[in-house]
Protein backbone atom coordinates (compact mmCIF):
# COMPACT_ATOMS: atom_id res chain seq x y z
CA MET A 1 0.28 -0.07 0.06
CA LYS A 2 1.51 3.00 -1.08
CA THR A 3 1.08 6.13 1.61
CA PRO A 4 -0.14 9.30 0.10
CA ASP A 5 1.05 11.93 -0.19
CA TYR A 6 0.27 14.39 2.06
CA ALA A 7 1.68 18.07 0.54
CA ARG A 8 0.88 16.93 -2.89
CA PHE A 9 -2.86 16.68 -1.16
CA VAL A 10 -2.22 20.57 0.29
CA GLN A 11 -1.03 21.79 -2.98
CA ASP A 12 -3.71 19.80 -5.52
CA CYS A 13 -6.47 20.92 -2.94
CA ILE A 14 -6.19 23.59 -0.48
CA ALA A 15 -5.87 26.91 -1.25
CA ALA A 16 -4.88 29.95 0.72
CA ASP A 17 -8.02 32.64 1.11
CA THR A 18 -7.59 36.14 2.64
CA LEU A 19 -11.35 36.45 3.10
CA ASP A 20 -12.77 35.83 6.34
CA ASP A 21 -15.51 34.02 5.42
CA HIS A 22 -13.68 31.05 3.79
CA LYS A 23 -13.45 28.65 6.30
CA LEU A 24 -13.02 24.38 6.82
CA ASN A 25 -13.91 21.85 9.18
CA GLU A 26 -12.31 18.71 10.03
CA ASP A 27 -15.08 17.14 7.97
CA GLN A 28 -14.51 19.21 5.32
CA LEU A 29 -11.23 18.95 5.10
CA PHE A 30 -10.67 15.55 5.74
CA GLY A 31 -13.54 14.21 3.17
CA VAL A 32 -12.05 16.52 0.69
CA TYR A 33 -9.19 14.22 1.49
CA LEU A 34 -10.94 11.26 0.80
CA SER A 35 -12.46 12.14 -2.43
CA TRP A 36 -8.67 13.43 -3.52
CA CYS A 37 -7.50 9.73 -2.46
CA GLY A 38 -10.34 7.72 -4.58
CA LEU A 39 -9.83 9.85 -7.50
CA LEU A 40 -5.99 9.00 -7.64
CA GLY A 41 -6.59 4.89 -6.47
CA GLN A 42 -5.09 5.66 -3.61
CA THR A 43 -5.59 4.12 -0.07
CA PRO A 44 -5.86 7.02 2.37
CA GLY A 45 -3.51 6.97 5.18
CA PRO A 46 -4.85 6.77 8.97
CA CYS A 47 -6.49 9.42 10.33
CA GLU A 48 -3.93 10.10 12.98
CA SER A 49 -1.32 10.69 10.18
CA PHE A 50 -3.59 12.57 8.18
CA TRP A 51 -3.93 15.27 11.18
CA ALA A 52 -0.48 14.96 12.15
CA ALA A 53 1.03 15.87 8.17
CA MET A 54 -2.15 18.58 8.40
CA SER A 55 -0.07 20.16 11.26
CA ARG A 56 2.99 19.60 10.21
CA LEU A 57 2.28 21.84 6.64
CA GLY A 58 1.29 24.54 8.97
CA VAL A 59 -2.82 23.59 8.34
CA HIS A 60 -3.84 24.51 11.86
CA GLU A 61 -6.93 24.22 13.53
CA ARG A 62 -9.09 26.70 15.99
CA ARG A 63 -12.24 25.87 17.48
CA GLY A 64 -15.60 27.83 16.59
CA ASN A 65 -18.60 28.21 18.33
CA ASP A 66 -19.74 25.07 17.16
CA HIS A 67 -16.59 23.79 19.17
CA ARG A 68 -16.01 22.27 15.55
CA TYR A 69 -12.43 22.70 14.73
CA ILE A 70 -12.21 24.93 11.38
CA ARG A 71 -8.98 26.02 9.26
CA SER A 72 -9.98 29.48 8.41
CA GLY A 73 -8.74 31.71 5.97
CA LEU A 74 -9.15 28.22 3.43
CA ARG A 75 -10.88 26.40 1.13
CA MET A 76 -11.18 23.73 -0.97
CA THR A 77 -10.26 23.53 -4.67
CA GLY A 78 -9.63 21.06 -7.70
CA PRO A 79 -11.25 17.97 -8.70
CA ALA A 80 -11.28 16.56 -5.23
CA ALA A 81 -13.45 19.63 -4.37
CA LEU A 82 -16.23 19.02 -6.90
CA ASP A 83 -16.31 15.44 -6.20
CA TYR A 84 -16.29 16.01 -2.79
CA ILE A 85 -19.09 18.80 -2.72
CA LEU A 86 -21.10 16.63 -4.93
CA ALA A 87 -20.88 13.42 -2.99
CA SER A 88 -21.36 15.33 0.36
CA GLN A 89 -24.41 17.07 -1.23
CA PRO A 90 -26.56 14.87 -3.88
CA SER A 91 -29.09 17.55 -4.58
CA LEU A 92 -27.07 19.46 -6.49
CA VAL A 93 -26.88 16.55 -8.90
């Protein structure tokens, strides 16, 4: 089993955004990661490895008002983002 390249995931799927209203919560970030792995035919790495890699790569978190972790100033982008959005919002199809 090949371990996913987390740096490539961030490069391919995550973009910095200066607008305050752009935020990713932990479910969205992990969901787009799973979509990215699926599109590349890779087996996702363990959750612990993913979150440790995100921290090392500077994708920091903070708690929001609803006590879910959010990554502010980030947005998802690319084909994996589209795949994730369509999979999580079937009413859009």
